[in-house]
Amino acid sequence: MRRTILHGRVLRSNDPIGVEQEMWSLLTLYQLLRRTMVEAAESQPCTDPDRCGFTIALQTARDLLVCAQGVFEQDIGEIGRRLLSTLAPAHRTRVSTRKVKSPVPAMRNRSWTAAPTAAGP
């Protein structure tokens, strides 16, 4: 959230109550944008919500709030229209099964021998 919503900025509040309030507002914004993305994808048949871009939804919401236009539209609204106009390509279907990596690194299983010593005179 710090990278996408705040663009690397820190929270403005200096007290714990204010930080909590800012975090709840950011989480609410995140959930509302994700919900809008899902509703926009569901308005077109066979469209996966993963194809909608979060950054596009966020930028459109900022533009609408700054201009105070089209914020309370019916149906999918301007955010949904922009999301649907910039859908990412569909994901490929997985061909092979997903492999689970070993939790122990390979280097840890290797037996180490002492380093060779220099030959004496």
N, C-alpha and C. Protein backbone atom coordinates (compact mmCIF):
# COMPACT_ATOMS: atom_id res chain seq x y z
N MET A 1 0.82 -1.19 0.00
CA MET A 1 0.00 0.00 0.00
C MET A 1 0.86 1.25 0.00
N ARG A 2 2.00 1.19 0.64
CA ARG A 2 2.85 2.37 0.68
C ARG A 2 3.36 2.71 -0.72
N ARG A 3 3.62 1.68 -1.53
CA ARG A 3 4.15 1.92 -2.87
C ARG A 3 3.04 2.39 -3.81
N THR A 4 1.85 1.77 -3.77
CA THR A 4 0.81 2.10 -4.73
C THR A 4 -0.04 3.28 -4.31
N ILE A 5 -0.56 3.26 -3.11
CA ILE A 5 -1.49 4.30 -2.68
C ILE A 5 -0.76 5.55 -2.22
N LEU A 6 0.29 5.40 -1.44
CA LEU A 6 0.98 6.56 -0.88
C LEU A 6 2.16 7.04 -1.72
N HIS A 7 2.55 6.28 -2.75
CA HIS A 7 3.71 6.62 -3.58
C HIS A 7 4.97 6.82 -2.75
N GLY A 8 5.18 5.98 -1.74
CA GLY A 8 6.39 6.03 -0.93
C GLY A 8 6.36 7.06 0.19
N ARG A 9 5.30 7.84 0.29
CA ARG A 9 5.23 8.83 1.37
C ARG A 9 4.93 8.14 2.69
N VAL A 10 5.28 8.79 3.77
CA VAL A 10 4.99 8.26 5.10
C VAL A 10 3.63 8.79 5.56
N LEU A 11 3.09 8.16 6.57
CA LEU A 11 1.82 8.63 7.12
C LEU A 11 2.01 9.99 7.78
N ARG A 12 0.98 10.81 7.72
CA ARG A 12 1.10 12.18 8.21
C ARG A 12 0.96 12.28 9.73
N SER A 13 0.24 11.36 10.32
CA SER A 13 -0.05 11.46 11.75
C SER A 13 1.18 11.16 12.59
N ASN A 14 1.26 11.81 13.75
CA ASN A 14 2.38 11.59 14.66
C ASN A 14 2.00 10.83 15.92
N ASP A 15 0.71 10.55 16.09
CA ASP A 15 0.29 9.82 17.28
C ASP A 15 -0.33 8.48 16.88
N PRO A 16 -0.34 7.51 17.78
CA PRO A 16 -0.83 6.17 17.45
C PRO A 16 -2.29 6.15 16.99
N ILE A 17 -3.13 6.98 17.58
CA ILE A 17 -4.54 7.00 17.19
C ILE A 17 -4.68 7.50 15.76
N GLY A 18 -3.93 8.53 15.40
CA GLY A 18 -3.97 9.06 14.05
C GLY A 18 -3.43 8.07 13.03
N VAL A 19 -2.37 7.35 13.39
CA VAL A 19 -1.81 6.33 12.48
C VAL A 19 -2.83 5.23 12.25
N GLU A 20 -3.50 4.82 13.32
CA GLU A 20 -4.53 3.78 13.18
C GLU A 20 -5.66 4.27 12.27
N GLN A 21 -6.07 5.51 12.43
CA GLN A 21 -7.14 6.06 11.60
C GLN A 21 -6.71 6.12 10.13
N GLU A 22 -5.48 6.54 9.88
CA GLU A 22 -4.99 6.60 8.50
C GLU A 22 -4.90 5.20 7.90
N MET A 23 -4.44 4.23 8.68
CA MET A 23 -4.34 2.87 8.16
C MET A 23 -5.72 2.31 7.82
N TRP A 24 -6.72 2.55 8.69
CA TRP A 24 -8.07 2.07 8.40
C TRP A 24 -8.63 2.74 7.15
N SER A 25 -8.33 4.02 6.97
CA SER A 25 -8.84 4.70 5.77
C SER A 25 -8.17 4.15 4.51
N LEU A 26 -6.86 3.85 4.58
CA LEU A 26 -6.17 3.27 3.42
C LEU A 26 -6.69 1.87 3.11
N LEU A 27 -6.94 1.08 4.15
CA LEU A 27 -7.48 -0.26 3.93
C LEU A 27 -8.89 -0.19 3.34
N THR A 28 -9.69 0.78 3.78
CA THR A 28 -11.03 0.96 3.24
C THR A 28 -10.96 1.35 1.77
N LEU A 29 -10.08 2.29 1.44
CA LEU A 29 -9.89 2.69 0.05
C LEU A 29 -9.47 1.50 -0.80
N TYR A 30 -8.54 0.71 -0.31
CA TYR A 30 -8.07 -0.46 -1.04
C TYR A 30 -9.22 -1.42 -1.33
N GLN A 31 -10.02 -1.72 -0.30
CA GLN A 31 -11.14 -2.65 -0.47
C GLN A 31 -12.19 -2.10 -1.43
N LEU A 32 -12.47 -0.80 -1.36
CA LEU A 32 -13.46 -0.21 -2.27
C LEU A 32 -12.98 -0.28 -3.72
N LEU A 33 -11.71 -0.01 -3.94
CA LEU A 33 -11.20 -0.10 -5.31
C LEU A 33 -11.20 -1.53 -5.81
N ARG A 34 -10.84 -2.48 -4.97
CA ARG A 34 -10.88 -3.89 -5.38
C ARG A 34 -12.31 -4.33 -5.70
N ARG A 35 -13.25 -3.87 -4.89
CA ARG A 35 -14.66 -4.22 -5.14
C ARG A 35 -15.12 -3.62 -6.47
N THR A 36 -14.72 -2.39 -6.74
CA THR A 36 -15.07 -1.75 -8.01
C THR A 36 -14.46 -2.52 -9.18
N MET A 37 -13.24 -3.00 -9.01
CA MET A 37 -12.61 -3.79 -10.06
C MET A 37 -13.38 -5.08 -10.33
N VAL A 38 -13.82 -5.74 -9.28
CA VAL A 38 -14.58 -6.98 -9.44
C VAL A 38 -15.92 -6.70 -10.12
N GLU A 39 -16.61 -5.64 -9.70
CA GLU A 39 -17.90 -5.31 -10.31
C GLU A 39 -17.75 -4.95 -11.78
N ALA A 40 -16.67 -4.25 -12.12
CA ALA A 40 -16.43 -3.91 -13.52
C ALA A 40 -16.17 -5.16 -14.34
N ALA A 41 -15.40 -6.09 -13.79
CA ALA A 41 -15.10 -7.33 -14.50
C ALA A 41 -16.35 -8.19 -14.65
N GLU A 42 -17.21 -8.19 -13.64
CA GLU A 42 -18.43 -8.99 -13.71
C GLU A 42 -19.44 -8.41 -14.68
N SER A 43 -19.30 -7.13 -15.04
CA SER A 43 -20.24 -6.54 -15.98
C SER A 43 -20.01 -7.04 -17.40
N GLN A 44 -18.84 -7.60 -17.68
CA GLN A 44 -18.56 -8.24 -18.97
C GLN A 44 -18.44 -9.73 -18.74
N PRO A 45 -19.15 -10.55 -19.49
CA PRO A 45 -19.09 -11.99 -19.28
C PRO A 45 -17.68 -12.54 -19.53
N CYS A 46 -17.32 -13.52 -18.74
CA CYS A 46 -16.04 -14.24 -18.87
C CYS A 46 -14.82 -13.34 -18.73
N THR A 47 -14.89 -12.30 -17.91
CA THR A 47 -13.75 -11.43 -17.68
C THR A 47 -13.24 -11.68 -16.27
N ASP A 48 -11.96 -11.99 -16.17
CA ASP A 48 -11.34 -12.27 -14.89
C ASP A 48 -10.98 -10.95 -14.20
N PRO A 49 -11.34 -10.75 -12.93
CA PRO A 49 -10.98 -9.51 -12.22
C PRO A 49 -9.48 -9.28 -12.13
N ASP A 50 -8.67 -10.34 -12.26
CA ASP A 50 -7.22 -10.18 -12.22
C ASP A 50 -6.69 -9.38 -13.41
N ARG A 51 -7.48 -9.25 -14.44
CA ARG A 51 -7.05 -8.50 -15.62
C ARG A 51 -7.20 -6.99 -15.43
N CYS A 52 -7.94 -6.57 -14.41
CA CYS A 52 -8.13 -5.14 -14.14
C CYS A 52 -6.92 -4.61 -13.37
N GLY A 53 -6.48 -3.42 -13.72
CA GLY A 53 -5.30 -2.85 -13.08
C GLY A 53 -5.64 -1.98 -11.88
N PHE A 54 -5.00 -2.27 -10.75
CA PHE A 54 -5.25 -1.50 -9.53
C PHE A 54 -4.78 -0.06 -9.69
N THR A 55 -3.65 0.13 -10.34
CA THR A 55 -3.12 1.48 -10.52
C THR A 55 -4.06 2.34 -11.35
N ILE A 56 -4.67 1.76 -12.37
CA ILE A 56 -5.62 2.50 -13.19
C ILE A 56 -6.84 2.89 -12.37
N ALA A 57 -7.33 1.96 -11.54
CA ALA A 57 -8.47 2.27 -10.68
C ALA A 57 -8.12 3.39 -9.70
N LEU A 58 -6.94 3.33 -9.12
CA LEU A 58 -6.52 4.35 -8.16
C LEU A 58 -6.37 5.72 -8.83
N GLN A 59 -5.73 5.76 -9.98
CA GLN A 59 -5.54 7.04 -10.68
C GLN A 59 -6.88 7.63 -11.12
N THR A 60 -7.79 6.80 -11.58
CA THR A 60 -9.10 7.28 -12.00
C THR A 60 -9.88 7.82 -10.81
N ALA A 61 -9.82 7.12 -9.68
CA ALA A 61 -10.51 7.60 -8.47
C ALA A 61 -9.94 8.95 -8.03
N ARG A 62 -8.62 9.10 -8.09
CA ARG A 62 -8.01 10.39 -7.74
C ARG A 62 -8.47 11.49 -8.69
N ASP A 63 -8.48 11.21 -9.98
CA ASP A 63 -8.92 12.20 -10.96
C ASP A 63 -10.36 12.62 -10.71
N LEU A 64 -11.22 11.65 -10.42
CA LEU A 64 -12.63 11.95 -10.19
C LEU A 64 -12.83 12.79 -8.93
N LEU A 65 -12.08 12.48 -7.89
CA LEU A 65 -12.24 13.23 -6.64
C LEU A 65 -11.67 14.64 -6.75
N VAL A 66 -10.60 14.81 -7.48
CA VAL A 66 -10.01 16.14 -7.65
C VAL A 66 -10.96 17.02 -8.46
N CYS A 67 -11.54 16.45 -9.52
CA CYS A 67 -12.46 17.23 -10.37
C CYS A 67 -13.88 17.26 -9.81
N ALA A 68 -14.18 16.35 -8.88
CA ALA A 68 -15.53 16.22 -8.30
C ALA A 68 -16.58 16.02 -9.38
N GLN A 69 -16.26 15.19 -10.37
CA GLN A 69 -17.20 14.88 -11.44
C GLN A 69 -17.39 13.37 -11.53
N GLY A 70 -18.62 12.95 -11.71
CA GLY A 70 -18.91 11.54 -11.95
C GLY A 70 -18.60 10.63 -10.79
N VAL A 71 -18.57 11.16 -9.57
CA VAL A 71 -18.24 10.33 -8.42
C VAL A 71 -19.39 9.39 -8.07
N PHE A 72 -20.62 9.86 -8.21
CA PHE A 72 -21.78 9.06 -7.80
C PHE A 72 -22.59 8.60 -9.01
N GLU A 73 -21.93 8.00 -9.99
CA GLU A 73 -22.62 7.50 -11.17
C GLU A 73 -23.25 6.15 -10.88
N GLN A 74 -24.29 5.86 -11.62
CA GLN A 74 -24.93 4.55 -11.53
C GLN A 74 -24.15 3.56 -12.39
N ASP A 75 -24.43 2.28 -12.23
CA ASP A 75 -23.79 1.21 -12.97
C ASP A 75 -22.31 1.11 -12.58
N ILE A 76 -21.40 0.89 -13.51
CA ILE A 76 -19.99 0.70 -13.14
C ILE A 76 -19.23 2.00 -13.05
N GLY A 77 -19.73 3.07 -13.62
CA GLY A 77 -19.11 4.38 -13.48
C GLY A 77 -17.84 4.54 -14.30
N GLU A 78 -17.21 5.67 -14.12
CA GLU A 78 -16.01 6.01 -14.89
C GLU A 78 -14.84 5.09 -14.55
N ILE A 79 -14.70 4.72 -13.28
CA ILE A 79 -13.61 3.82 -12.89
C ILE A 79 -13.75 2.49 -13.62
N GLY A 80 -14.96 1.94 -13.62
CA GLY A 80 -15.19 0.67 -14.31
C GLY A 80 -14.96 0.76 -15.80
N ARG A 81 -15.39 1.87 -16.41
CA ARG A 81 -15.17 2.04 -17.86
C ARG A 81 -13.68 2.11 -18.19
N ARG A 82 -12.92 2.82 -17.39
CA ARG A 82 -11.47 2.89 -17.66
C ARG A 82 -10.79 1.55 -17.42
N LEU A 83 -11.24 0.83 -16.40
CA LEU A 83 -10.66 -0.49 -16.15
C LEU A 83 -10.92 -1.43 -17.31
N LEU A 84 -12.15 -1.42 -17.82
CA LEU A 84 -12.49 -2.33 -18.91
C LEU A 84 -11.82 -1.93 -20.22
N SER A 85 -11.50 -0.67 -20.37
CA SER A 85 -10.84 -0.25 -21.60
C SER A 85 -9.34 -0.57 -21.59
N THR A 86 -8.79 -0.88 -20.44
CA THR A 86 -7.35 -1.16 -20.33
C THR A 86 -7.09 -2.52 -19.68
N LEU A 87 -7.87 -3.51 -20.03
CA LEU A 87 -7.68 -4.85 -19.44
C LEU A 87 -6.35 -5.45 -19.88
N ALA A 88 -5.73 -6.13 -18.96
CA ALA A 88 -4.51 -6.87 -19.27
C ALA A 88 -4.88 -8.13 -20.04
N PRO A 89 -3.95 -8.72 -20.79
CA PRO A 89 -4.27 -9.96 -21.50
C PRO A 89 -4.59 -11.08 -20.52
N ALA A 90 -5.37 -12.03 -20.99
CA ALA A 90 -5.76 -13.16 -20.14
C ALA A 90 -4.53 -13.99 -19.80
N HIS A 91 -4.53 -14.59 -18.61
CA HIS A 91 -3.42 -15.43 -18.17
C HIS A 91 -3.45 -16.76 -18.92
N ARG A 92 -2.26 -17.30 -19.16
CA ARG A 92 -2.18 -18.62 -19.76
C ARG A 92 -2.64 -19.65 -18.74
N THR A 93 -3.17 -20.75 -19.21
CA THR A 93 -3.52 -21.83 -18.29
C THR A 93 -2.24 -22.57 -17.93
N ARG A 94 -2.19 -23.04 -16.71
CA ARG A 94 -1.00 -23.74 -16.23
C ARG A 94 -0.92 -25.11 -16.90
N VAL A 95 0.25 -25.41 -17.50
CA VAL A 95 0.44 -26.66 -18.21
C VAL A 95 0.90 -27.74 -17.25
N SER A 96 1.90 -27.46 -16.46
CA SER A 96 2.41 -28.46 -15.53
C SER A 96 2.03 -28.07 -14.10
N THR A 97 2.07 -29.03 -13.23
CA THR A 97 1.70 -28.78 -11.84
C THR A 97 2.74 -27.91 -11.16
N ARG A 98 2.30 -27.20 -10.18
CA ARG A 98 3.21 -26.34 -9.41
C ARG A 98 4.07 -27.21 -8.51
N LYS A 99 5.36 -26.95 -8.49
CA LYS A 99 6.28 -27.75 -7.68
C LYS A 99 6.57 -27.01 -6.38
N VAL A 100 6.59 -27.76 -5.31
CA VAL A 100 6.89 -27.20 -4.00
C VAL A 100 8.39 -27.29 -3.78
N LYS A 101 8.97 -26.16 -3.48
CA LYS A 101 10.41 -26.14 -3.26
C LYS A 101 10.73 -26.68 -1.87
N SER A 102 11.92 -27.22 -1.75
CA SER A 102 12.37 -27.75 -0.47
C SER A 102 12.58 -26.58 0.50
N PRO A 103 12.07 -26.70 1.73
CA PRO A 103 12.27 -25.61 2.68
C PRO A 103 13.71 -25.48 3.16
N VAL A 104 14.52 -26.52 2.96
CA VAL A 104 15.91 -26.49 3.38
C VAL A 104 16.76 -26.18 2.16
N PRO A 105 17.58 -25.15 2.23
CA PRO A 105 18.43 -24.82 1.07
C PRO A 105 19.35 -25.97 0.72
N ALA A 106 19.68 -26.10 -0.55
CA ALA A 106 20.53 -27.19 -1.03
C ALA A 106 21.92 -27.12 -0.42
N MET A 107 22.41 -25.94 -0.16
CA MET A 107 23.76 -25.80 0.38
C MET A 107 23.86 -26.37 1.80
N ARG A 108 22.77 -26.36 2.52
CA ARG A 108 22.79 -26.85 3.90
C ARG A 108 22.92 -28.37 3.94
N ASN A 109 22.46 -29.05 2.90
CA ASN A 109 22.52 -30.51 2.87
C ASN A 109 23.89 -31.03 2.43
N ARG A 110 24.70 -30.17 1.89
CA ARG A 110 26.00 -30.58 1.37
C ARG A 110 26.97 -30.78 2.54
N SER A 111 27.75 -31.87 2.47
CA SER A 111 28.76 -32.09 3.51
C SER A 111 30.03 -31.36 3.09
N TRP A 112 30.55 -30.59 3.99
CA TRP A 112 31.72 -29.78 3.70
C TRP A 112 32.97 -30.49 4.23
N THR A 113 34.01 -30.44 3.46
CA THR A 113 35.30 -30.99 3.89
C THR A 113 36.22 -29.81 4.21
N ALA A 114 37.23 -30.09 4.96
CA ALA A 114 38.16 -29.04 5.31
C ALA A 114 38.87 -28.52 4.05
N ALA A 115 39.21 -27.28 4.07
CA ALA A 115 39.92 -26.70 2.92
C ALA A 115 41.29 -27.32 2.83
N PRO A 116 41.80 -27.49 1.62
CA PRO A 116 43.13 -28.07 1.48
C PRO A 116 44.18 -27.16 2.10
N THR A 117 45.13 -27.78 2.75
CA THR A 117 46.19 -27.01 3.39
C THR A 117 47.39 -26.94 2.46
N ALA A 118 48.17 -25.91 2.65
CA ALA A 118 49.38 -25.76 1.82
C ALA A 118 50.38 -26.84 2.21
N ALA A 119 51.05 -27.34 1.20
CA ALA A 119 52.04 -28.40 1.43
C ALA A 119 53.26 -27.79 2.12
N GLY A 120 53.76 -28.48 3.12
CA GLY A 120 54.92 -28.01 3.87
C GLY A 120 56.22 -28.26 3.12
N PRO A 121 57.38 -27.74 3.58
CA PRO A 121 58.65 -27.95 2.90
C PRO A 121 59.16 -29.36 3.03
